[in-house]
């Protein structure tokens, strides 16, 4: 996935740029981490998001996931699908 290309997709045009940049950090910084490093990283990112009052509604999440899939490799799509599956399981 090209780092900033997905942020220019019309599907995410209505989402605040600060939110998209926050996700950019999450996606690309998180890719470099081992499994052991990922949990502390995600906790740190969640805390930063909370302190900056960044949250996403279901419509924003759906649009972002659609765009990310469109701009991702098959391996990246598989990771996205796993994350979304985990998200759905946590809501049940």
PDB file of N, CA and C in Angstrom:
ATOM      1  N   UNK A   1       0.849  -1.179   0.000  1.00  0.00           N
ATOM      2  CA  UNK A   1       0.000   0.000   0.000  1.00  0.00           C
ATOM      3  C   UNK A   1       0.894   1.241   0.000  1.00  0.00           C
ATOM      4  N   UNK A   2       0.584   2.159  -0.863  1.00  0.00           N
ATOM      5  CA  UNK A   2       1.315   3.420  -0.886  1.00  0.00           C
ATOM      6  C   UNK A   2       0.833   4.248   0.286  1.00  0.00           C
ATOM      7  N   UNK A   3       1.774   4.781   1.052  1.00  0.00           N
ATOM      8  CA  UNK A   3       1.449   5.362   2.352  1.00  0.00           C
ATOM      9  C   UNK A   3       0.297   6.358   2.365  1.00  0.00           C
ATOM     10  N   UNK A   4       0.299   7.380   1.565  1.00  0.00           N
ATOM     11  CA  UNK A   4      -0.741   8.409   1.674  1.00  0.00           C
ATOM     12  C   UNK A   4      -1.825   8.312   0.617  1.00  0.00           C
ATOM     13  N   UNK A   5      -1.664   7.459  -0.355  1.00  0.00           N
ATOM     14  CA  UNK A   5      -2.604   7.381  -1.469  1.00  0.00           C
ATOM     15  C   UNK A   5      -4.037   7.121  -1.007  1.00  0.00           C
ATOM     16  N   UNK A   6      -4.216   6.228  -0.055  1.00  0.00           N
ATOM     17  CA  UNK A   6      -5.548   5.866   0.394  1.00  0.00           C
ATOM     18  C   UNK A   6      -6.289   7.042   1.021  1.00  0.00           C
ATOM     19  N   UNK A   7      -5.552   7.986   1.600  1.00  0.00           N
ATOM     20  CA  UNK A   7      -6.183   9.129   2.269  1.00  0.00           C
ATOM     21  C   UNK A   7      -6.827  10.103   1.286  1.00  0.00           C
ATOM     22  N   UNK A   8      -6.516   9.973   0.008  1.00  0.00           N
ATOM     23  CA  UNK A   8      -7.081  10.858  -1.009  1.00  0.00           C
ATOM     24  C   UNK A   8      -8.278  10.242  -1.724  1.00  0.00           C
ATOM     25  N   UNK A   9      -8.671   9.056  -1.330  1.00  0.00           N
ATOM     26  CA  UNK A   9      -9.804   8.377  -1.959  1.00  0.00           C
ATOM     27  C   UNK A   9     -11.095   9.136  -1.620  1.00  0.00           C
ATOM     28  N   UNK A  10     -11.988   9.296  -2.598  1.00  0.00           N
ATOM     29  CA  UNK A  10     -13.248  10.017  -2.356  1.00  0.00           C
ATOM     30  C   UNK A  10     -14.114   9.416  -1.247  1.00  0.00           C
ATOM     31  N   UNK A  11     -13.999   8.117  -0.998  1.00  0.00           N
ATOM     32  CA  UNK A  11     -14.806   7.491   0.051  1.00  0.00           C
ATOM     33  C   UNK A  11     -14.481   8.026   1.448  1.00  0.00           C
ATOM     34  N   UNK A  12     -13.261   8.516   1.646  1.00  0.00           N
ATOM     35  CA  UNK A  12     -12.889   9.034   2.969  1.00  0.00           C
ATOM     36  C   UNK A  12     -12.779  10.558   2.983  1.00  0.00           C
ATOM     37  N   UNK A  13     -13.263  11.188   1.938  1.00  0.00           N
ATOM     38  CA  UNK A  13     -13.160  12.646   1.826  1.00  0.00           C
ATOM     39  C   UNK A  13     -13.883  13.374   2.959  1.00  0.00           C
ATOM     40  N   UNK A  14     -14.932  12.770   3.501  1.00  0.00           N
ATOM     41  CA  UNK A  14     -15.693  13.425   4.561  1.00  0.00           C
ATOM     42  C   UNK A  14     -15.153  13.182   5.962  1.00  0.00           C
ATOM     43  N   UNK A  15     -14.070  12.431   6.071  1.00  0.00           N
ATOM     44  CA  UNK A  15     -13.495  12.123   7.376  1.00  0.00           C
ATOM     45  C   UNK A  15     -12.382  13.125   7.680  1.00  0.00           C
ATOM     46  N   UNK A  16     -12.399  13.651   8.890  1.00  0.00           N
ATOM     47  CA  UNK A  16     -11.416  14.635   9.328  1.00  0.00           C
ATOM     48  C   UNK A  16      -9.994  14.167   9.009  1.00  0.00           C
ATOM     49  N   UNK A  17      -9.204  15.062   8.449  1.00  0.00           N
ATOM     50  CA  UNK A  17      -7.828  14.737   8.058  1.00  0.00           C
ATOM     51  C   UNK A  17      -6.984  14.281   9.251  1.00  0.00           C
ATOM     52  N   UNK A  18      -7.223  14.853  10.424  1.00  0.00           N
ATOM     53  CA  UNK A  18      -6.471  14.451  11.621  1.00  0.00           C
ATOM     54  C   UNK A  18      -6.729  12.982  11.948  1.00  0.00           C
ATOM     55  N   UNK A  19      -7.964  12.525  11.761  1.00  0.00           N
ATOM     56  CA  UNK A  19      -8.285  11.124  11.994  1.00  0.00           C
ATOM     57  C   UNK A  19      -7.536  10.234  11.005  1.00  0.00           C
ATOM     58  N   UNK A  20      -7.501  10.652   9.741  1.00  0.00           N
ATOM     59  CA  UNK A  20      -6.817   9.858   8.722  1.00  0.00           C
ATOM     60  C   UNK A  20      -5.314   9.796   8.992  1.00  0.00           C
ATOM     61  N   UNK A  21      -4.743  10.899   9.413  1.00  0.00           N
ATOM     62  CA  UNK A  21      -3.310  10.911   9.731  1.00  0.00           C
ATOM     63  C   UNK A  21      -3.022  10.044  10.950  1.00  0.00           C
ATOM     64  N   UNK A  22      -3.934  10.023  11.906  1.00  0.00           N
ATOM     65  CA  UNK A  22      -3.809   9.154  13.063  1.00  0.00           C
ATOM     66  C   UNK A  22      -3.785   7.690  12.611  1.00  0.00           C
ATOM     67  N   UNK A  23      -4.682   7.323  11.719  1.00  0.00           N
ATOM     68  CA  UNK A  23      -4.707   5.959  11.187  1.00  0.00           C
ATOM     69  C   UNK A  23      -3.452   5.642  10.394  1.00  0.00           C
ATOM     70  N   UNK A  24      -2.976   6.621   9.661  1.00  0.00           N
ATOM     71  CA  UNK A  24      -1.744   6.441   8.882  1.00  0.00           C
ATOM     72  C   UNK A  24      -0.608   6.013   9.809  1.00  0.00           C
ATOM     73  N   UNK A  25      -0.490   6.691  10.926  1.00  0.00           N
ATOM     74  CA  UNK A  25       0.527   6.341  11.915  1.00  0.00           C
ATOM     75  C   UNK A  25       0.313   4.918  12.416  1.00  0.00           C
ATOM     76  N   UNK A  26      -0.915   4.605  12.762  1.00  0.00           N
ATOM     77  CA  UNK A  26      -1.236   3.292  13.291  1.00  0.00           C
ATOM     78  C   UNK A  26      -0.897   2.180  12.294  1.00  0.00           C
ATOM     79  N   UNK A  27      -1.330   2.340  11.070  1.00  0.00           N
ATOM     80  CA  UNK A  27      -1.134   1.294  10.059  1.00  0.00           C
ATOM     81  C   UNK A  27       0.336   1.105   9.727  1.00  0.00           C
ATOM     82  N   UNK A  28       1.035   2.178   9.430  1.00  0.00           N
ATOM     83  CA  UNK A  28       2.390   2.031   8.929  1.00  0.00           C
ATOM     84  C   UNK A  28       3.433   1.844  10.014  1.00  0.00           C
ATOM     85  N   UNK A  29       3.228   2.424  11.171  1.00  0.00           N
ATOM     86  CA  UNK A  29       4.160   2.181  12.265  1.00  0.00           C
ATOM     87  C   UNK A  29       3.962   0.776  12.823  1.00  0.00           C
ATOM     88  N   UNK A  30       2.723   0.337  12.878  1.00  0.00           N
ATOM     89  CA  UNK A  30       2.419  -0.984  13.406  1.00  0.00           C
ATOM     90  C   UNK A  30       2.944  -2.121  12.552  1.00  0.00           C
ATOM     91  N   UNK A  31       3.086  -1.903  11.263  1.00  0.00           N
ATOM     92  CA  UNK A  31       3.594  -2.942  10.364  1.00  0.00           C
ATOM     93  C   UNK A  31       5.019  -3.352  10.692  1.00  0.00           C
ATOM     94  N   UNK A  32       5.785  -2.471  11.251  1.00  0.00           N
ATOM     95  CA  UNK A  32       7.200  -2.715  11.507  1.00  0.00           C
ATOM     96  C   UNK A  32       7.443  -3.485  12.803  1.00  0.00           C
ATOM     97  N   UNK A  33       6.408  -3.690  13.587  1.00  0.00           N
ATOM     98  CA  UNK A  33       6.579  -4.230  14.925  1.00  0.00           C
ATOM     99  C   UNK A  33       6.394  -5.739  14.980  1.00  0.00           C
ATOM    100  N   UNK A  34       7.075  -6.344  15.934  1.00  0.00           N
ATOM    101  CA  UNK A  34       6.886  -7.766  16.188  1.00  0.00           C
ATOM    102  C   UNK A  34       5.588  -7.943  16.978  1.00  0.00           C
ATOM    103  N   UNK A  35       5.150  -9.181  17.118  1.00  0.00           N
ATOM    104  CA  UNK A  35       3.929  -9.453  17.886  1.00  0.00           C
ATOM    105  C   UNK A  35       4.076  -8.973  19.326  1.00  0.00           C
ATOM    106  N   UNK A  36       5.265  -9.115  19.895  1.00  0.00           N
ATOM    107  CA  UNK A  36       5.506  -8.695  21.270  1.00  0.00           C
ATOM    108  C   UNK A  36       5.436  -7.177  21.420  1.00  0.00           C
ATOM    109  N   UNK A  37       5.824  -6.462  20.392  1.00  0.00           N
ATOM    110  CA  UNK A  37       5.816  -5.003  20.441  1.00  0.00           C
ATOM    111  C   UNK A  37       4.451  -4.414  20.105  1.00  0.00           C
ATOM    112  N   UNK A  38       3.613  -5.195  19.445  1.00  0.00           N
ATOM    113  CA  UNK A  38       2.354  -4.677  18.916  1.00  0.00           C
ATOM    114  C   UNK A  38       1.367  -4.266  20.014  1.00  0.00           C
ATOM    115  N   UNK A  39       1.210  -5.065  21.037  1.00  0.00           N
ATOM    116  CA  UNK A  39       0.239  -4.739  22.091  1.00  0.00           C
ATOM    117  C   UNK A  39       0.597  -3.428  22.795  1.00  0.00           C
ATOM    118  N   UNK A  40       1.851  -3.248  23.257  1.00  0.00           N
ATOM    119  CA  UNK A  40       2.181  -1.953  23.875  1.00  0.00           C
ATOM    120  C   UNK A  40       1.998  -0.776  22.904  1.00  0.00           C
ATOM    121  N   UNK A  41       2.324  -1.002  21.632  1.00  0.00           N
ATOM    122  CA  UNK A  41       2.146   0.047  20.628  1.00  0.00           C
ATOM    123  C   UNK A  41       0.671   0.410  20.489  1.00  0.00           C
ATOM    124  N   UNK A  42      -0.189  -0.588  20.379  1.00  0.00           N
ATOM    125  CA  UNK A  42      -1.623  -0.329  20.221  1.00  0.00           C
ATOM    126  C   UNK A  42      -2.204   0.367  21.447  1.00  0.00           C
ATOM    127  N   UNK A  43      -1.725  -0.007  22.624  1.00  0.00           N
ATOM    128  CA  UNK A  43      -2.194   0.657  23.842  1.00  0.00           C
ATOM    129  C   UNK A  43      -1.771   2.124  23.848  1.00  0.00           C
ATOM    130  N   UNK A  44      -0.551   2.380  23.401  1.00  0.00           N
ATOM    131  CA  UNK A  44      -0.059   3.749  23.323  1.00  0.00           C
ATOM    132  C   UNK A  44      -0.861   4.563  22.310  1.00  0.00           C
ATOM    133  N   UNK A  45      -1.130   3.972  21.161  1.00  0.00           N
ATOM    134  CA  UNK A  45      -1.899   4.664  20.121  1.00  0.00           C
ATOM    135  C   UNK A  45      -3.323   4.936  20.619  1.00  0.00           C
ATOM    136  N   UNK A  46      -3.912   3.951  21.291  1.00  0.00           N
ATOM    137  CA  UNK A  46      -5.271   4.144  21.822  1.00  0.00           C
ATOM    138  C   UNK A  46      -5.296   5.292  22.822  1.00  0.00           C
ATOM    139  N   UNK A  47      -4.278   5.366  23.669  1.00  0.00           N
ATOM    140  CA  UNK A  47      -4.204   6.454  24.653  1.00  0.00           C
ATOM    141  C   UNK A  47      -4.055   7.810  23.955  1.00  0.00           C
ATOM    142  N   UNK A  48      -3.220   7.855  22.919  1.00  0.00           N
ATOM    143  CA  UNK A  48      -3.045   9.106  22.163  1.00  0.00           C
ATOM    144  C   UNK A  48      -4.366   9.514  21.520  1.00  0.00           C
ATOM    145  N   UNK A  49      -5.062   8.551  20.943  1.00  0.00           N
ATOM    146  CA  UNK A  49      -6.350   8.843  20.325  1.00  0.00           C
ATOM    147  C   UNK A  49      -7.348   9.356  21.332  1.00  0.00           C
ATOM    148  N   UNK A  50      -7.366   8.741  22.487  1.00  0.00           N
ATOM    149  CA  UNK A  50      -8.291   9.166  23.542  1.00  0.00           C
ATOM    150  C   UNK A  50      -7.965  10.584  24.008  1.00  0.00           C
ATOM    151  N   UNK A  51      -6.674  10.870  24.186  1.00  0.00           N
ATOM    152  CA  UNK A  51      -6.283  12.205  24.658  1.00  0.00           C
ATOM    153  C   UNK A  51      -6.572  13.284  23.613  1.00  0.00           C
ATOM    154  N   UNK A  52      -6.602  12.898  22.342  1.00  0.00           N
ATOM    155  CA  UNK A  52      -6.902  13.851  21.267  1.00  0.00           C
ATOM    156  C   UNK A  52      -8.366  13.781  20.843  1.00  0.00           C
ATOM    157  N   UNK A  53      -9.170  13.030  21.606  1.00  0.00           N
ATOM    158  CA  UNK A  53     -10.598  12.862  21.316  1.00  0.00           C
ATOM    159  C   UNK A  53     -10.857  12.341  19.907  1.00  0.00           C
ATOM    160  N   UNK A  54     -10.050  11.381  19.485  1.00  0.00           N
ATOM    161  CA  UNK A  54     -10.224  10.787  18.162  1.00  0.00           C
ATOM    162  C   UNK A  54     -10.986   9.486  18.317  1.00  0.00           C
ATOM    163  N   UNK A  55     -12.117   9.422  17.659  1.00  0.00           N
ATOM    164  CA  UNK A  55     -12.909   8.192  17.627  1.00  0.00           C
ATOM    165  C   UNK A  55     -13.548   8.091  16.242  1.00  0.00           C
ATOM    166  N   UNK A  56     -14.013   6.908  15.920  1.00  0.00           N
ATOM    167  CA  UNK A  56     -14.577   6.656  14.601  1.00  0.00           C
ATOM    168  C   UNK A  56     -15.946   6.017  14.757  1.00  0.00           C
ATOM    169  N   UNK A  57     -16.922   6.528  13.996  1.00  0.00           N
ATOM    170  CA  UNK A  57     -18.230   5.878  14.014  1.00  0.00           C
ATOM    171  C   UNK A  57     -18.215   4.715  13.020  1.00  0.00           C
ATOM    172  N   UNK A  58     -19.268   3.903  13.029  1.00  0.00           N
ATOM    173  CA  UNK A  58     -19.300   2.715  12.185  1.00  0.00           C
ATOM    174  C   UNK A  58     -19.200   3.057  10.695  1.00  0.00           C
ATOM    175  N   UNK A  59     -19.817   4.148  10.280  1.00  0.00           N
ATOM    176  CA  UNK A  59     -19.749   4.561   8.875  1.00  0.00           C
ATOM    177  C   UNK A  59     -18.334   4.923   8.459  1.00  0.00           C
ATOM    178  N   UNK A  60     -17.617   5.622   9.335  1.00  0.00           N
ATOM    179  CA  UNK A  60     -16.228   5.970   9.045  1.00  0.00           C
ATOM    180  C   UNK A  60     -15.356   4.720   8.971  1.00  0.00           C
ATOM    181  N   UNK A  61     -15.583   3.804   9.902  1.00  0.00           N
ATOM    182  CA  UNK A  61     -14.805   2.562   9.894  1.00  0.00           C
ATOM    183  C   UNK A  61     -15.057   1.788   8.612  1.00  0.00           C
ATOM    184  N   UNK A  62     -16.304   1.675   8.205  1.00  0.00           N
ATOM    185  CA  UNK A  62     -16.631   0.948   6.977  1.00  0.00           C
ATOM    186  C   UNK A  62     -15.965   1.591   5.762  1.00  0.00           C
ATOM    187  N   UNK A  63     -16.018   2.921   5.668  1.00  0.00           N
ATOM    188  CA  UNK A  63     -15.403   3.625   4.540  1.00  0.00           C
ATOM    189  C   UNK A  63     -13.890   3.430   4.535  1.00  0.00           C
ATOM    190  N   UNK A  64     -13.273   3.543   5.697  1.00  0.00           N
ATOM    191  CA  UNK A  64     -11.823   3.397   5.806  1.00  0.00           C
ATOM    192  C   UNK A  64     -11.394   1.988   5.419  1.00  0.00           C
ATOM    193  N   UNK A  65     -12.101   0.982   5.926  1.00  0.00           N
ATOM    194  CA  UNK A  65     -11.754  -0.405   5.620  1.00  0.00           C
ATOM    195  C   UNK A  65     -11.905  -0.669   4.126  1.00  0.00           C
ATOM    196  N   UNK A  66     -12.965  -0.159   3.527  1.00  0.00           N
ATOM    197  CA  UNK A  66     -13.176  -0.329   2.086  1.00  0.00           C
ATOM    198  C   UNK A  66     -12.019   0.270   1.298  1.00  0.00           C
ATOM    199  N   UNK A  67     -11.619   1.466   1.667  1.00  0.00           N
ATOM    200  CA  UNK A  67     -10.518   2.146   0.968  1.00  0.00           C
ATOM    201  C   UNK A  67      -9.201   1.424   1.202  1.00  0.00           C
ATOM    202  N   UNK A  68      -8.944   1.014   2.425  1.00  0.00           N
ATOM    203  CA  UNK A  68      -7.694   0.305   2.708  1.00  0.00           C
ATOM    204  C   UNK A  68      -7.602  -0.989   1.905  1.00  0.00           C
ATOM    205  N   UNK A  69      -8.703  -1.705   1.820  1.00  0.00           N
ATOM    206  CA  UNK A  69      -8.705  -2.940   1.018  1.00  0.00           C
ATOM    207  C   UNK A  69      -8.402  -2.638  -0.449  1.00  0.00           C
ATOM    208  N   UNK A  70      -8.956  -1.556  -0.936  1.00  0.00           N
ATOM    209  CA  UNK A  70      -8.773  -1.177  -2.344  1.00  0.00           C
ATOM    210  C   UNK A  70      -7.311  -0.866  -2.666  1.00  0.00           C
ATOM    211  N   UNK A  71      -6.577  -0.372  -1.679  1.00  0.00           N
ATOM    212  CA  UNK A  71      -5.199   0.067  -1.893  1.00  0.00           C
ATOM    213  C   UNK A  71      -4.170  -0.883  -1.276  1.00  0.00           C
ATOM    214  N   UNK A  72      -4.586  -2.098  -0.937  1.00  0.00           N
ATOM    215  CA  UNK A  72      -3.707  -3.027  -0.227  1.00  0.00           C
ATOM    216  C   UNK A  72      -3.323  -4.234  -1.069  1.00  0.00           C
ATOM    217  N   UNK A  73      -2.232  -4.856  -0.660  1.00  0.00           N
ATOM    218  CA  UNK A  73      -1.792  -6.113  -1.269  1.00  0.00           C
ATOM    219  C   UNK A  73      -2.667  -7.241  -0.705  1.00  0.00           C
ATOM    220  N   UNK A  74      -2.636  -8.412  -1.324  1.00  0.00           N
ATOM    221  CA  UNK A  74      -3.404  -9.545  -0.782  1.00  0.00           C
ATOM    222  C   UNK A  74      -3.035  -9.870   0.675  1.00  0.00           C
ATOM    223  N   UNK A  75      -1.777  -9.745   1.021  1.00  0.00           N
ATOM    224  CA  UNK A  75      -1.346 -10.012   2.400  1.00  0.00           C
ATOM    225  C   UNK A  75      -1.931  -8.980   3.358  1.00  0.00           C
ATOM    226  N   UNK A  76      -1.935  -7.734   2.943  1.00  0.00           N
ATOM    227  CA  UNK A  76      -2.493  -6.672   3.781  1.00  0.00           C
ATOM    228  C   UNK A  76      -4.002  -6.842   3.937  1.00  0.00           C
ATOM    229  N   UNK A  77      -4.663  -7.254   2.860  1.00  0.00           N
ATOM    230  CA  UNK A  77      -6.113  -7.488   2.916  1.00  0.00           C
ATOM    231  C   UNK A  77      -6.424  -8.608   3.904  1.00  0.00           C
ATOM    232  N   UNK A  78      -5.599  -9.628   3.913  1.00  0.00           N
ATOM    233  CA  UNK A  78      -5.798 -10.719   4.863  1.00  0.00           C
ATOM    234  C   UNK A  78      -5.702 -10.218   6.303  1.00  0.00           C
ATOM    235  N   UNK A  79      -4.736  -9.348   6.583  1.00  0.00           N
ATOM    236  CA  UNK A  79      -4.596  -8.779   7.926  1.00  0.00           C
ATOM    237  C   UNK A  79      -5.810  -7.925   8.285  1.00  0.00           C
ATOM    238  N   UNK A  80      -6.264  -7.130   7.333  1.00  0.00           N
ATOM    239  CA  UNK A  80      -7.442  -6.286   7.557  1.00  0.00           C
ATOM    240  C   UNK A  80      -8.650  -7.161   7.878  1.00  0.00           C
ATOM    241  N   UNK A  81      -8.833  -8.222   7.098  1.00  0.00           N
ATOM    242  CA  UNK A  81      -9.970  -9.114   7.323  1.00  0.00           C
ATOM    243  C   UNK A  81      -9.911  -9.762   8.703  1.00  0.00           C
ATOM    244  N   UNK A  82      -8.716 -10.148   9.146  1.00  0.00           N
ATOM    245  CA  UNK A  82      -8.567 -10.730  10.478  1.00  0.00           C
ATOM    246  C   UNK A  82      -8.933  -9.716  11.558  1.00  0.00           C
ATOM    247  N   UNK A  83      -8.467  -8.476  11.400  1.00  0.00           N
ATOM    248  CA  UNK A  83      -8.792  -7.432  12.375  1.00  0.00           C
ATOM    249  C   UNK A  83     -10.293  -7.175  12.431  1.00  0.00           C
ATOM    250  N   UNK A  84     -10.926  -7.120  11.270  1.00  0.00           N
ATOM    251  CA  UNK A  84     -12.363  -6.861  11.234  1.00  0.00           C
ATOM    252  C   UNK A  84     -13.140  -8.027  11.829  1.00  0.00           C
ATOM    253  N   UNK A  85     -12.660  -9.247  11.633  1.00  0.00           N
ATOM    254  CA  UNK A  85     -13.291 -10.415  12.228  1.00  0.00           C
ATOM    255  C   UNK A  85     -13.201 -10.350  13.747  1.00  0.00           C
ATOM    256  N   UNK A  86     -12.037  -9.967  14.262  1.00  0.00           N
ATOM    257  CA  UNK A  86     -11.845  -9.811  15.707  1.00  0.00           C
ATOM    258  C   UNK A  86     -12.777  -8.734  16.247  1.00  0.00           C
ATOM    259  N   UNK A  87     -12.907  -7.649  15.505  1.00  0.00           N
ATOM    260  CA  UNK A  87     -13.782  -6.540  15.911  1.00  0.00           C
ATOM    261  C   UNK A  87     -15.229  -7.014  16.011  1.00  0.00           C
ATOM    262  N   UNK A  88     -15.682  -7.790  15.028  1.00  0.00           N
ATOM    263  CA  UNK A  88     -17.062  -8.292  15.044  1.00  0.00           C
ATOM    264  C   UNK A  88     -17.289  -9.242  16.226  1.00  0.00           C
ATOM    265  N   UNK A  89     -16.314 -10.097  16.509  1.00  0.00           N
ATOM    266  CA  UNK A  89     -16.429 -11.046  17.624  1.00  0.00           C
ATOM    267  C   UNK A  89     -16.523 -10.325  18.955  1.00  0.00           C
ATOM    268  N   UNK A  90     -15.809  -9.213  19.099  1.00  0.00           N
ATOM    269  CA  UNK A  90     -15.837  -8.456  20.354  1.00  0.00           C
ATOM    270  C   UNK A  90     -17.171  -7.765  20.581  1.00  0.00           C
ATOM    271  N   UNK A  91     -17.924  -7.537  19.526  1.00  0.00           N
ATOM    272  CA  UNK A  91     -19.224  -6.862  19.656  1.00  0.00           C
ATOM    273  C   UNK A  91     -20.331  -7.820  20.041  1.00  0.00           C
ATOM    274  N   UNK A  92     -20.115  -9.113  19.839  1.00  0.00           N
ATOM    275  CA  UNK A  92     -21.174 -10.086  20.112  1.00  0.00           C
ATOM    276  C   UNK A  92     -21.376 -10.294  21.585  1.00  0.00           C
TER     277      UNK A  92
END
